[in-house]
Structures are given as C-alpha cells and as structure tokens.
Amino acid sequence: MTDIDAFEVVTEITDYDSLFSDKETPLGVIVNLEVRNGIIVTEHGNDEYNFSFIDASTGNLLKRWGKRGEGDNEFIDFGNGFVLTDSLLIFQERMRKMICSVSVTDILDEGRASIATKESYPYTVDFRPLIFNIVNGKKIFAGCFKTGRLGVINSRNEIMECPFEYPFSTEPLAGVMRGSVFQCKIKSNEKQRKTIVQTLASDVFEIYQCSDTALSRIYVSPFNNPPKLRKSGNRYGIDYDESIAGLMKMAVSDDFIYFTYSSLRSNEKERLGNSVNEILCFNWNGEKVRKYLLPIPITSFCADKQYIYGICNNEEETIIYRFKL
C-alpha cells in the first residue's frame, strides 16, 4: 500500500478525557508541545512567557517560564521549537546564534535559580541553521545550506560533512535557496539514536541513524506527493494550491512516530481549518503500525507510551485532551 495513509490496522479511540483548560488562566496560542517524565511542556506565541509546564497526570499548571528581554535570564527570542530531554529544556536564541539549556527541575523548584547555559553554534553564508534537534551529542539542523539536506554540528561544535540530498527533485532551486523554500520539522529519538525529518506540504519523511562518527539515512517514505513549486516574479515558493497538506504535526516517543495527516490541498485544508482527527503511527524503521481515529479533531499534539495529548481550540479556551492508546 503506497498511499501513506493506507493502513491495514485502523483503531478508533473512544477512551479520552479533558486534562487541562486555560479558561481560568488564559495562555498564548500553543505552537508546540512535548511530554517527558510526566510533564507536558507547551510553547506559546505572543505571550508573556514562552513556556508552560503542566502535570500530565492531574492537568495542574505547574509553572510558566521564559521571558523575552535583555535582562538576567531573559532571551531576545526563542527560535522555533524546543528539545525536551529527561532533565533539560533546550531551545534556540536564534538572533544570538545560541543553543540554551536549562534544568527542568530548577525551573519547577521555586527555591532554585533557573539559569540557562548558552553555547554558540557556527553560522556562515553557506551554513544557516534554522531549527534543530539533538541526538548522540550532535546538533542536527534544518535550514539553508549550500550542499546537502541537513546541517550537522558535532560535540566539539564543528560542522560535520552531511552529503545527503533531498529525496525529491529540487529543480530549479540551487544551494541555500532550497532550504528557504522547502520547510521541514525535525525530531529525535535519543534511545535509538535516530532522527526524523518531515517535509511540510508533502507526504515525505526520512529517518537517519546517528553513530559516534556519522549520520546515515536509513529510510525514505515511498511518497507520491512531494511539495510543488510556484514562481512569483523572481522568487520561488511552495504552490499551496497544488501541494497537499499532507503530514502536518509530528510527535515521537521512544518506540513510535506519529503524524496528523490530510490528503486535501494545503489551501483547501487551511480554509476548512487545520484541525484533524487522523493520526498515522509508524515505528522507527518507517514501518506502518496503525492509523488512529480521534473522536475530537486536534491542531497539535504530543505522545508518550500511554496517551496522545491533543490541543483543541475554541473561542473561549484552549483544551488539552488526553486520548488513551
């Protein structure tokens, strides 16, 4: 079955509950969320604080953290996305070309000072990292690079060779321009030392294995719908009238990869709303596991071994629903 959403096993989830609502304490729009060790961390747009910490078992709001500014323990910006490990919250201060790390325990402990450590990363005319993830001590970046699909920086903060090209045609684009047009998301599995790269407005994803010395591409989805290009003046961009919405939001656990998915054209899906109730589940070898059908459409989500935590927005509140796997 070559269609990415054609699964032999389809499961309709009926066991779910409302875990959290921001009706009493309004939060900014949740743009990303991750769960680790029973804590859900949400990232917000246009809010006083960039991060919120929610108890995944009780739904209690534990802490809000991360202010923009130039004072002590403030940040000019927070990049796009973050990494949550067993002990650290890691994010970019992109304008300063820094990777910031802070202890989650320190953030949640009112008696401790939650001070972030900062590490600069290389940035050149031909190597322009935009979004990142971390696996096996290496920073894996998507962005704009003269050659290759990804940018990799090793534990010594050196740029590594990464010869892998896009798995679909990028003509007539060349060099760093490709990374400005073809947008993607990255997540990693530290347990298996693997990284997944999802190309937006398509059904394309790739899995990479990370060793001590190299990065190897071990899987490319058998795609039918790579992103389509359109030229406007002297610029190229994605043709959202011809490209499918495809793989939209992504979540990972130690064992599985999850995507929300729509076969509608991108512009049509946006007009109808970006909520979906279909989640595709793969293992870390790229093999199909099952398709989940949710009783409530969601805009974004994360997952652990027991639950999918999905975001549902309405005019009055943002709700995090908990769907039992």
C-alpha atoms as a PDB file:
ATOM      1  CA  MET A   1       0.000   0.000   0.000  1.00  0.00           C
ATOM      2  CA  THR A   2       1.871   3.031  -1.244  1.00  0.00           C
ATOM      3  CA  ASP A   3      -0.534   5.747  -0.058  1.00  0.00           C
ATOM      4  CA  ILE A   4       0.909   6.996   3.180  1.00  0.00           C
ATOM      5  CA  ASP A   5      -2.472   6.919   4.963  1.00  0.00           C
ATOM      6  CA  ALA A   6      -3.419   3.385   3.804  1.00  0.00           C
ATOM      7  CA  PHE A   7      -3.112   1.192   6.918  1.00  0.00           C
ATOM      8  CA  GLU A   8      -4.207  -2.397   7.469  1.00  0.00           C
ATOM      9  CA  VAL A   9      -4.890  -1.650  11.151  1.00  0.00           C
ATOM     10  CA  VAL A  10      -7.223   1.253  11.991  1.00  0.00           C
ATOM     11  CA  THR A  11      -8.127   1.986  15.618  1.00  0.00           C
ATOM     12  CA  GLU A  12     -10.891   4.312  16.713  1.00  0.00           C
ATOM     13  CA  ILE A  13     -10.043   5.840  20.091  1.00  0.00           C
ATOM     14  CA  THR A  14     -13.035   6.217  22.396  1.00  0.00           C
ATOM     15  CA  ASP A  15     -11.342   6.418  25.805  1.00  0.00           C
ATOM     16  CA  TYR A  16     -10.425  10.059  26.402  1.00  0.00           C
ATOM     17  CA  ASP A  17     -10.876  12.944  28.830  1.00  0.00           C
ATOM     18  CA  SER A  18     -10.252  16.674  29.168  1.00  0.00           C
ATOM     19  CA  LEU A  19      -6.959  17.104  31.010  1.00  0.00           C
ATOM     20  CA  PHE A  20      -6.354  20.878  31.014  1.00  0.00           C
ATOM     21  CA  SER A  21      -8.134  24.128  30.153  1.00  0.00           C
ATOM     22  CA  ASP A  22      -6.737  27.653  30.130  1.00  0.00           C
ATOM     23  CA  LYS A  23     -10.149  29.250  30.673  1.00  0.00           C
ATOM     24  CA  GLU A  24      -9.197  30.485  34.160  1.00  0.00           C
ATOM     25  CA  THR A  25      -5.587  31.342  33.234  1.00  0.00           C
ATOM     26  CA  PRO A  26      -5.508  32.264  29.530  1.00  0.00           C
ATOM     27  CA  LEU A  27      -2.332  31.231  27.730  1.00  0.00           C
ATOM     28  CA  GLY A  28      -0.966  32.324  24.390  1.00  0.00           C
ATOM     29  CA  VAL A  29      -1.540  30.127  21.358  1.00  0.00           C
ATOM     30  CA  ILE A  30       0.183  26.772  21.840  1.00  0.00           C
ATOM     31  CA  VAL A  31       2.516  26.304  18.874  1.00  0.00           C
ATOM     32  CA  ASN A  32       4.452  23.241  20.108  1.00  0.00           C
ATOM     33  CA  LEU A  33       4.253  20.769  22.963  1.00  0.00           C
ATOM     34  CA  GLU A  34       6.287  17.831  24.274  1.00  0.00           C
ATOM     35  CA  VAL A  35       5.858  15.392  27.170  1.00  0.00           C
ATOM     36  CA  ARG A  36       8.599  13.802  29.243  1.00  0.00           C
ATOM     37  CA  ASN A  37       8.626  12.182  32.688  1.00  0.00           C
ATOM     38  CA  GLY A  38       5.007  13.099  33.360  1.00  0.00           C
ATOM     39  CA  ILE A  39       5.429  16.807  32.481  1.00  0.00           C
ATOM     40  CA  ILE A  40       3.856  18.444  29.412  1.00  0.00           C
ATOM     41  CA  VAL A  41       5.805  21.485  28.208  1.00  0.00           C
ATOM     42  CA  THR A  42       3.943  23.868  25.903  1.00  0.00           C
ATOM     43  CA  GLU A  43       5.476  26.609  23.747  1.00  0.00           C
ATOM     44  CA  HIS A  44       3.424  29.756  23.134  1.00  0.00           C
ATOM     45  CA  GLY A  45       3.177  32.512  20.565  1.00  0.00           C
ATOM     46  CA  ASN A  46       2.527  36.137  21.547  1.00  0.00           C
ATOM     47  CA  ASP A  47       2.550  35.530  25.291  1.00  0.00           C
ATOM     48  CA  GLU A  48       4.325  36.967  28.330  1.00  0.00           C
ATOM     49  CA  TYR A  49       6.006  33.603  28.922  1.00  0.00           C
ATOM     50  CA  ASN A  50       7.286  31.311  26.203  1.00  0.00           C
ATOM     51  CA  PHE A  51       6.826  28.018  28.083  1.00  0.00           C
ATOM     52  CA  SER A  52       4.240  26.460  30.386  1.00  0.00           C
ATOM     53  CA  PHE A  53       4.678  23.281  32.452  1.00  0.00           C
ATOM     54  CA  ILE A  54       1.639  21.066  33.072  1.00  0.00           C
ATOM     55  CA  ASP A  55       1.359  17.903  35.183  1.00  0.00           C
ATOM     56  CA  ALA A  56       0.383  15.171  32.690  1.00  0.00           C
ATOM     57  CA  SER A  57      -1.481  13.142  35.322  1.00  0.00           C
ATOM     58  CA  THR A  58      -3.501  15.882  37.048  1.00  0.00           C
ATOM     59  CA  GLY A  59      -3.633  18.663  34.463  1.00  0.00           C
ATOM     60  CA  ASN A  60      -2.370  21.199  37.002  1.00  0.00           C
ATOM     61  CA  LEU A  61      -0.450  24.186  35.635  1.00  0.00           C
ATOM     62  CA  LEU A  62       2.870  23.954  37.490  1.00  0.00           C
ATOM     63  CA  LYS A  63       4.861  26.906  36.192  1.00  0.00           C
ATOM     64  CA  ARG A  64       5.220  29.497  33.440  1.00  0.00           C
ATOM     65  CA  TRP A  65       8.756  30.412  32.404  1.00  0.00           C
ATOM     66  CA  GLY A  66      10.845  32.177  29.750  1.00  0.00           C
ATOM     67  CA  LYS A  67      10.507  35.918  29.195  1.00  0.00           C
ATOM     68  CA  ARG A  68      11.710  37.965  26.264  1.00  0.00           C
ATOM     69  CA  GLY A  69      14.120  40.762  27.068  1.00  0.00           C
ATOM     70  CA  GLU A  70      17.773  41.548  27.686  1.00  0.00           C
ATOM     71  CA  GLY A  71      17.831  41.262  31.471  1.00  0.00           C
ATOM     72  CA  ASP A  72      19.175  38.429  33.614  1.00  0.00           C
ATOM     73  CA  ASN A  73      17.815  35.094  32.444  1.00  0.00           C
ATOM     74  CA  GLU A  74      15.785  36.760  29.669  1.00  0.00           C
ATOM     75  CA  PHE A  75      16.083  35.979  25.961  1.00  0.00           C
ATOM     76  CA  ILE A  76      15.843  38.058  22.796  1.00  0.00           C
ATOM     77  CA  ASP A  77      13.903  35.288  21.054  1.00  0.00           C
ATOM     78  CA  PHE A  78      13.146  31.575  21.396  1.00  0.00           C
ATOM     79  CA  GLY A  79      13.643  30.314  17.851  1.00  0.00           C
ATOM     80  CA  ASN A  80      11.080  27.797  16.627  1.00  0.00           C
ATOM     81  CA  GLY A  81      10.536  24.642  18.642  1.00  0.00           C
ATOM     82  CA  PHE A  82      12.456  23.137  21.540  1.00  0.00           C
ATOM     83  CA  VAL A  83      14.002  19.882  22.749  1.00  0.00           C
ATOM     84  CA  LEU A  84      12.907  18.214  25.988  1.00  0.00           C
ATOM     85  CA  THR A  85      15.271  15.617  27.473  1.00  0.00           C
ATOM     86  CA  ASP A  86      14.968  13.737  30.767  1.00  0.00           C
ATOM     87  CA  SER A  87      16.463  16.696  32.627  1.00  0.00           C
ATOM     88  CA  LEU A  88      16.812  19.689  30.302  1.00  0.00           C
ATOM     89  CA  LEU A  89      14.735  22.142  28.294  1.00  0.00           C
ATOM     90  CA  ILE A  90      16.807  23.151  25.242  1.00  0.00           C
ATOM     91  CA  PHE A  91      15.935  25.923  22.783  1.00  0.00           C
ATOM     92  CA  GLN A  92      17.500  28.436  20.402  1.00  0.00           C
ATOM     93  CA  GLU A  93      18.154  32.100  20.937  1.00  0.00           C
ATOM     94  CA  ARG A  94      18.411  32.412  17.188  1.00  0.00           C
ATOM     95  CA  MET A  95      19.298  36.103  16.875  1.00  0.00           C
ATOM     96  CA  ARG A  96      22.388  35.459  19.023  1.00  0.00           C
ATOM     97  CA  LYS A  97      23.152  32.097  17.369  1.00  0.00           C
ATOM     98  CA  MET A  98      22.962  30.332  20.721  1.00  0.00           C
ATOM     99  CA  ILE A  99      21.647  26.997  21.998  1.00  0.00           C
ATOM    100  CA  CYS A 100      20.263  27.496  25.519  1.00  0.00           C
ATOM    101  CA  SER A 101      19.848  24.712  28.094  1.00  0.00           C
ATOM    102  CA  VAL A 102      18.113  24.917  31.472  1.00  0.00           C
ATOM    103  CA  SER A 103      17.253  22.304  34.080  1.00  0.00           C
ATOM    104  CA  VAL A 104      13.539  21.458  34.211  1.00  0.00           C
ATOM    105  CA  THR A 105      13.937  20.674  37.921  1.00  0.00           C
ATOM    106  CA  ASP A 106      15.374  24.141  38.536  1.00  0.00           C
ATOM    107  CA  ILE A 107      12.507  25.771  36.642  1.00  0.00           C
ATOM    108  CA  LEU A 108       9.879  23.937  38.695  1.00  0.00           C
ATOM    109  CA  ASP A 109      11.651  24.417  42.032  1.00  0.00           C
ATOM    110  CA  GLU A 110      10.690  27.859  43.372  1.00  0.00           C
ATOM    111  CA  GLY A 111      13.698  27.847  45.662  1.00  0.00           C
ATOM    112  CA  ARG A 112      16.266  27.461  42.900  1.00  0.00           C
ATOM    113  CA  ALA A 113      17.518  29.888  40.296  1.00  0.00           C
ATOM    114  CA  SER A 114      16.708  28.540  36.825  1.00  0.00           C
ATOM    115  CA  ILE A 115      19.750  29.878  34.974  1.00  0.00           C
ATOM    116  CA  ALA A 116      20.224  28.831  31.358  1.00  0.00           C
ATOM    117  CA  THR A 117      23.636  27.916  29.962  1.00  0.00           C
ATOM    118  CA  LYS A 118      24.360  29.121  26.428  1.00  0.00           C
ATOM    119  CA  GLU A 119      26.525  27.689  23.652  1.00  0.00           C
ATOM    120  CA  SER A 120      27.123  29.402  20.313  1.00  0.00           C
ATOM    121  CA  TYR A 121      26.921  27.483  17.041  1.00  0.00           C
ATOM    122  CA  PRO A 122      28.516  28.116  13.609  1.00  0.00           C
ATOM    123  CA  TYR A 123      26.632  30.306  11.164  1.00  0.00           C
ATOM    124  CA  THR A 124      28.049  31.281   7.749  1.00  0.00           C
ATOM    125  CA  VAL A 125      26.788  32.463   4.380  1.00  0.00           C
ATOM    126  CA  ASP A 126      26.618  28.811   3.232  1.00  0.00           C
ATOM    127  CA  PHE A 127      25.569  27.266   6.563  1.00  0.00           C
ATOM    128  CA  ARG A 128      22.442  28.884   8.007  1.00  0.00           C
ATOM    129  CA  PRO A 129      20.833  26.681  10.674  1.00  0.00           C
ATOM    130  CA  LEU A 130      17.171  27.402  11.428  1.00  0.00           C
ATOM    131  CA  ILE A 131      15.601  24.626  13.500  1.00  0.00           C
ATOM    132  CA  PHE A 132      17.357  21.850  15.392  1.00  0.00           C
ATOM    133  CA  ASN A 133      17.255  18.692  17.430  1.00  0.00           C
ATOM    134  CA  ILE A 134      19.884  16.824  19.386  1.00  0.00           C
ATOM    135  CA  VAL A 135      20.889  13.162  19.233  1.00  0.00           C
ATOM    136  CA  ASN A 136      24.009  11.382  20.482  1.00  0.00           C
ATOM    137  CA  GLY A 137      25.723  14.675  21.284  1.00  0.00           C
ATOM    138  CA  LYS A 138      25.205  16.065  17.783  1.00  0.00           C
ATOM    139  CA  LYS A 139      23.044  19.034  16.836  1.00  0.00           C
ATOM    140  CA  ILE A 140      21.023  18.175  13.722  1.00  0.00           C
ATOM    141  CA  PHE A 141      19.809  21.305  11.915  1.00  0.00           C
ATOM    142  CA  ALA A 142      17.407  22.007   9.115  1.00  0.00           C
ATOM    143  CA  GLY A 143      17.908  25.296   7.338  1.00  0.00           C
ATOM    144  CA  CYS A 144      19.726  26.772   4.368  1.00  0.00           C
ATOM    145  CA  PHE A 145      22.897  25.001   3.319  1.00  0.00           C
ATOM    146  CA  LYS A 146      24.985  25.243   0.164  1.00  0.00           C
ATOM    147  CA  THR A 147      25.158  21.454  -0.089  1.00  0.00           C
ATOM    148  CA  GLY A 148      23.198  18.634   1.476  1.00  0.00           C
ATOM    149  CA  ARG A 149      19.844  18.242   3.145  1.00  0.00           C
ATOM    150  CA  LEU A 150      20.882  18.863   6.763  1.00  0.00           C
ATOM    151  CA  GLY A 151      23.483  20.690   8.789  1.00  0.00           C
ATOM    152  CA  VAL A 152      25.250  18.682  11.497  1.00  0.00           C
ATOM    153  CA  ILE A 153      27.430  20.058  14.300  1.00  0.00           C
ATOM    154  CA  ASN A 154      29.372  17.594  16.439  1.00  0.00           C
ATOM    155  CA  SER A 155      30.075  17.726  20.180  1.00  0.00           C
ATOM    156  CA  ARG A 156      33.177  19.874  19.512  1.00  0.00           C
ATOM    157  CA  ASN A 157      30.971  22.478  17.798  1.00  0.00           C
ATOM    158  CA  GLU A 158      32.423  21.666  14.370  1.00  0.00           C
ATOM    159  CA  ILE A 159      30.442  21.396  11.137  1.00  0.00           C
ATOM    160  CA  MET A 160      30.326  17.754  10.005  1.00  0.00           C
ATOM    161  CA  GLU A 161      30.033  16.533   6.438  1.00  0.00           C
ATOM    162  CA  CYS A 162      26.460  15.554   5.641  1.00  0.00           C
ATOM    163  CA  PRO A 163      26.224  14.540   1.958  1.00  0.00           C
ATOM    164  CA  PHE A 164      22.538  13.546   1.874  1.00  0.00           C
ATOM    165  CA  GLU A 165      20.447  15.404  -0.676  1.00  0.00           C
ATOM    166  CA  TYR A 166      16.700  15.982  -0.790  1.00  0.00           C
ATOM    167  CA  PRO A 167      14.871  12.749  -1.710  1.00  0.00           C
ATOM    168  CA  PHE A 168      12.858  14.587  -4.387  1.00  0.00           C
ATOM    169  CA  SER A 169      13.760  16.927  -7.220  1.00  0.00           C
ATOM    170  CA  THR A 170      14.613  20.479  -6.129  1.00  0.00           C
ATOM    171  CA  GLU A 171      14.958  21.942  -9.618  1.00  0.00           C
ATOM    172  CA  PRO A 172      15.212  24.823 -10.470  1.00  0.00           C
ATOM    173  CA  LEU A 173      16.478  25.747  -6.992  1.00  0.00           C
ATOM    174  CA  ALA A 174      20.121  25.543  -6.014  1.00  0.00           C
ATOM    175  CA  GLY A 175      22.263  25.874  -2.910  1.00  0.00           C
ATOM    176  CA  VAL A 176      20.990  27.710   0.158  1.00  0.00           C
ATOM    177  CA  MET A 177      17.839  28.770  -1.685  1.00  0.00           C
ATOM    178  CA  ARG A 178      16.409  25.253  -1.360  1.00  0.00           C
ATOM    179  CA  GLY A 179      16.297  25.424   2.432  1.00  0.00           C
ATOM    180  CA  SER A 180      14.464  28.749   2.253  1.00  0.00           C
ATOM    181  CA  VAL A 181      11.670  27.184   0.196  1.00  0.00           C
ATOM    182  CA  PHE A 182      11.297  23.576   1.378  1.00  0.00           C
ATOM    183  CA  GLN A 183      10.331  23.771   5.050  1.00  0.00           C
ATOM    184  CA  CYS A 184      10.631  20.828   7.406  1.00  0.00           C
ATOM    185  CA  LYS A 185      10.495  19.684  11.030  1.00  0.00           C
ATOM    186  CA  ILE A 186      12.978  17.563  12.961  1.00  0.00           C
ATOM    187  CA  LYS A 187      12.585  15.312  16.000  1.00  0.00           C
ATOM    188  CA  SER A 188      14.961  12.796  17.523  1.00  0.00           C
ATOM    189  CA  ASN A 189      14.968   9.564  19.497  1.00  0.00           C
ATOM    190  CA  GLU A 190      17.949   9.557  21.845  1.00  0.00           C
ATOM    191  CA  LYS A 191      17.218   5.982  22.945  1.00  0.00           C
ATOM    192  CA  GLN A 192      17.612   4.607  19.407  1.00  0.00           C
ATOM    193  CA  ARG A 193      19.945   7.399  18.242  1.00  0.00           C
ATOM    194  CA  LYS A 194      17.671   8.260  15.333  1.00  0.00           C
ATOM    195  CA  THR A 195      16.380  11.496  13.818  1.00  0.00           C
ATOM    196  CA  ILE A 196      13.298  12.018  11.662  1.00  0.00           C
ATOM    197  CA  VAL A 197      12.942  14.821   9.109  1.00  0.00           C
ATOM    198  CA  GLN A 198       9.426  15.704   7.925  1.00  0.00           C
ATOM    199  CA  THR A 199       8.934  17.828   4.791  1.00  0.00           C
ATOM    200  CA  LEU A 200       5.910  20.113   5.041  1.00  0.00           C
ATOM    201  CA  ALA A 201       3.181  20.245   2.355  1.00  0.00           C
ATOM    202  CA  SER A 202       4.010  16.678   1.336  1.00  0.00           C
ATOM    203  CA  ASP A 203       3.931  13.016   2.355  1.00  0.00           C
ATOM    204  CA  VAL A 204       7.747  12.843   2.597  1.00  0.00           C
ATOM    205  CA  PHE A 205       9.674  11.878   5.702  1.00  0.00           C
ATOM    206  CA  GLU A 206      13.171  10.492   6.253  1.00  0.00           C
ATOM    207  CA  ILE A 207      14.806   8.625   9.139  1.00  0.00           C
ATOM    208  CA  TYR A 208      18.510   8.983   9.926  1.00  0.00           C
ATOM    209  CA  GLN A 209      20.690   6.826  12.179  1.00  0.00           C
ATOM    210  CA  CYS A 210      23.329   8.647  14.216  1.00  0.00           C
ATOM    211  CA  SER A 211      26.591   6.892  15.196  1.00  0.00           C
ATOM    212  CA  ASP A 212      29.591   8.311  17.029  1.00  0.00           C
ATOM    213  CA  THR A 213      31.212   9.345  13.748  1.00  0.00           C
ATOM    214  CA  ALA A 214      28.499   9.747  11.118  1.00  0.00           C
ATOM    215  CA  LEU A 215      24.867  10.253  10.163  1.00  0.00           C
ATOM    216  CA  SER A 216      23.257   7.676   7.843  1.00  0.00           C
ATOM    217  CA  ARG A 217      19.895   7.925   6.063  1.00  0.00           C
ATOM    218  CA  ILE A 218      18.163   4.597   6.655  1.00  0.00           C
ATOM    219  CA  TYR A 219      14.625   5.253   5.386  1.00  0.00           C
ATOM    220  CA  VAL A 220      12.678   7.476   2.987  1.00  0.00           C
ATOM    221  CA  SER A 221       8.881   7.227   2.820  1.00  0.00           C
ATOM    222  CA  PRO A 222       7.521   5.898  -0.522  1.00  0.00           C
ATOM    223  CA  PHE A 223       5.982   9.273  -1.293  1.00  0.00           C
ATOM    224  CA  ASN A 224       3.510  10.141  -4.028  1.00  0.00           C
ATOM    225  CA  ASN A 225       3.172  13.855  -3.252  1.00  0.00           C
ATOM    226  CA  PRO A 226       6.386  15.873  -2.911  1.00  0.00           C
ATOM    227  CA  PRO A 227       5.886  19.640  -2.459  1.00  0.00           C
ATOM    228  CA  LYS A 228       5.150  21.560  -5.654  1.00  0.00           C
ATOM    229  CA  LEU A 229       6.848  24.845  -6.599  1.00  0.00           C
ATOM    230  CA  ARG A 230       5.425  28.087  -7.964  1.00  0.00           C
ATOM    231  CA  LYS A 231       7.318  31.079  -9.309  1.00  0.00           C
ATOM    232  CA  SER A 232       6.198  34.600  -8.435  1.00  0.00           C
ATOM    233  CA  GLY A 233       8.328  37.271 -10.072  1.00  0.00           C
ATOM    234  CA  ASN A 234      11.923  36.207  -9.480  1.00  0.00           C
ATOM    235  CA  ARG A 235      11.103  34.127  -6.401  1.00  0.00           C
ATOM    236  CA  TYR A 236      10.097  30.525  -5.945  1.00  0.00           C
ATOM    237  CA  GLY A 237       7.822  29.230  -3.213  1.00  0.00           C
ATOM    238  CA  ILE A 238       5.550  26.308  -2.404  1.00  0.00           C
ATOM    239  CA  ASP A 239       2.424  26.096  -4.559  1.00  0.00           C
ATOM    240  CA  TYR A 240      -0.201  25.551  -1.878  1.00  0.00           C
ATOM    241  CA  ASP A 241      -2.947  25.133  -4.472  1.00  0.00           C
ATOM    242  CA  GLU A 242      -1.169  22.070  -5.883  1.00  0.00           C
ATOM    243  CA  SER A 243       0.619  20.679  -2.799  1.00  0.00           C
ATOM    244  CA  ILE A 244      -1.264  18.541  -0.305  1.00  0.00           C
ATOM    245  CA  ALA A 245      -1.451  19.487   3.376  1.00  0.00           C
ATOM    246  CA  GLY A 246      -0.007  16.005   3.916  1.00  0.00           C
ATOM    247  CA  LEU A 247       1.975  15.342   7.066  1.00  0.00           C
ATOM    248  CA  MET A 248       1.124  18.257   9.333  1.00  0.00           C
ATOM    249  CA  LYS A 249       2.086  17.916  13.012  1.00  0.00           C
ATOM    250  CA  MET A 250       4.570  15.333  14.267  1.00  0.00           C
ATOM    251  CA  ALA A 251       5.166  13.693  17.648  1.00  0.00           C
ATOM    252  CA  VAL A 252       7.594  10.968  18.687  1.00  0.00           C
ATOM    253  CA  SER A 253       8.092   8.553  21.566  1.00  0.00           C
ATOM    254  CA  ASP A 254      10.853   6.034  22.265  1.00  0.00           C
ATOM    255  CA  ASP A 255       9.029   3.463  20.139  1.00  0.00           C
ATOM    256  CA  PHE A 256       6.853   5.294  17.622  1.00  0.00           C
ATOM    257  CA  ILE A 257       6.479   8.229  15.225  1.00  0.00           C
ATOM    258  CA  TYR A 258       3.087   9.948  14.872  1.00  0.00           C
ATOM    259  CA  PHE A 259       1.752  12.370  12.260  1.00  0.00           C
ATOM    260  CA  THR A 260      -1.502  14.213  11.823  1.00  0.00           C
ATOM    261  CA  TYR A 261      -2.402  13.966   8.149  1.00  0.00           C
ATOM    262  CA  SER A 262      -4.735  15.364   5.492  1.00  0.00           C
ATOM    263  CA  SER A 263      -4.918  14.459   1.806  1.00  0.00           C
ATOM    264  CA  LEU A 264      -6.602  17.805   0.990  1.00  0.00           C
ATOM    265  CA  ARG A 265      -4.721  20.543  -0.827  1.00  0.00           C
ATOM    266  CA  SER A 266      -2.942  22.887   1.579  1.00  0.00           C
ATOM    267  CA  ASN A 267      -5.031  25.973   0.793  1.00  0.00           C
ATOM    268  CA  GLU A 268      -8.259  23.990   0.936  1.00  0.00           C
ATOM    269  CA  LYS A 269      -7.297  22.488   4.306  1.00  0.00           C
ATOM    270  CA  GLU A 270      -6.445  25.930   5.688  1.00  0.00           C
ATOM    271  CA  ARG A 271      -9.825  27.296   4.583  1.00  0.00           C
ATOM    272  CA  LEU A 272     -11.591  24.409   6.303  1.00  0.00           C
ATOM    273  CA  GLY A 273      -9.462  24.713   9.437  1.00  0.00           C
ATOM    274  CA  ASN A 274      -6.239  22.952  10.390  1.00  0.00           C
ATOM    275  CA  SER A 275      -7.791  20.576  12.922  1.00  0.00           C
ATOM    276  CA  VAL A 276      -7.640  16.871  12.045  1.00  0.00           C
ATOM    277  CA  ASN A 277      -8.746  13.643  13.703  1.00  0.00           C
ATOM    278  CA  GLU A 278      -6.493  11.220  11.815  1.00  0.00           C
ATOM    279  CA  ILE A 279      -3.108  10.207  13.247  1.00  0.00           C
ATOM    280  CA  LEU A 280      -0.679   7.902  11.432  1.00  0.00           C
ATOM    281  CA  CYS A 281       1.655   5.780  13.548  1.00  0.00           C
ATOM    282  CA  PHE A 282       4.972   4.322  12.315  1.00  0.00           C
ATOM    283  CA  ASN A 283       7.850   2.615  14.084  1.00  0.00           C
ATOM    284  CA  TRP A 284      11.396   3.958  13.911  1.00  0.00           C
ATOM    285  CA  ASN A 285      12.163   1.746  10.910  1.00  0.00           C
ATOM    286  CA  GLY A 286       9.465   3.550   8.908  1.00  0.00           C
ATOM    287  CA  GLU A 287       7.043   0.611   9.018  1.00  0.00           C
ATOM    288  CA  LYS A 288       3.315   1.276   9.341  1.00  0.00           C
ATOM    289  CA  VAL A 289       1.862   0.320  12.716  1.00  0.00           C
ATOM    290  CA  ARG A 290      -1.705   1.640  12.762  1.00  0.00           C
ATOM    291  CA  LYS A 291      -3.944   4.586  12.000  1.00  0.00           C
ATOM    292  CA  TYR A 292      -5.741   6.238  14.919  1.00  0.00           C
ATOM    293  CA  LEU A 293      -9.091   7.991  14.513  1.00  0.00           C
ATOM    294  CA  LEU A 294      -9.782  10.522  17.260  1.00  0.00           C
ATOM    295  CA  PRO A 295     -13.293  11.461  18.437  1.00  0.00           C
ATOM    296  CA  ILE A 296     -12.284  15.155  18.530  1.00  0.00           C
ATOM    297  CA  PRO A 297     -10.192  16.997  15.909  1.00  0.00           C
ATOM    298  CA  ILE A 298      -6.940  18.499  17.193  1.00  0.00           C
ATOM    299  CA  THR A 299      -4.460  21.105  15.963  1.00  0.00           C
ATOM    300  CA  SER A 300      -1.265  19.874  17.634  1.00  0.00           C
ATOM    301  CA  PHE A 301      -0.223  17.027  19.905  1.00  0.00           C
ATOM    302  CA  CYS A 302       2.462  15.036  21.688  1.00  0.00           C
ATOM    303  CA  ALA A 303       2.588  11.429  22.859  1.00  0.00           C
ATOM    304  CA  ASP A 304       4.098   9.089  25.434  1.00  0.00           C
ATOM    305  CA  LYS A 305       3.712   5.333  25.960  1.00  0.00           C
ATOM    306  CA  GLN A 306       0.132   5.611  27.236  1.00  0.00           C
ATOM    307  CA  TYR A 307      -1.529   8.690  25.757  1.00  0.00           C
ATOM    308  CA  ILE A 308      -1.818  11.158  22.929  1.00  0.00           C
ATOM    309  CA  TYR A 309      -2.202  14.695  24.311  1.00  0.00           C
ATOM    310  CA  GLY A 310      -4.080  16.807  21.749  1.00  0.00           C
ATOM    311  CA  ILE A 311      -4.801  20.537  21.545  1.00  0.00           C
ATOM    312  CA  CYS A 312      -8.333  21.724  20.790  1.00  0.00           C
ATOM    313  CA  ASN A 313      -9.068  25.456  20.455  1.00  0.00           C
ATOM    314  CA  ASN A 314     -12.367  27.279  20.621  1.00  0.00           C
ATOM    315  CA  GLU A 315     -13.343  30.915  21.118  1.00  0.00           C
ATOM    316  CA  GLU A 316     -13.365  30.654  24.915  1.00  0.00           C
ATOM    317  CA  GLU A 317     -10.457  28.375  25.803  1.00  0.00           C
ATOM    318  CA  THR A 318      -7.678  26.028  24.784  1.00  0.00           C
ATOM    319  CA  ILE A 319      -8.176  22.452  25.961  1.00  0.00           C
ATOM    320  CA  ILE A 320      -5.654  19.618  26.165  1.00  0.00           C
ATOM    321  CA  TYR A 321      -7.437  16.291  25.704  1.00  0.00           C
ATOM    322  CA  ARG A 322      -5.861  13.023  26.766  1.00  0.00           C
ATOM    323  CA  PHE A 323      -6.545  10.060  24.424  1.00  0.00           C
ATOM    324  CA  LYS A 324      -5.665   6.601  25.754  1.00  0.00           C
ATOM    325  CA  LEU A 325      -3.588   4.497  23.366  1.00  0.00           C
END
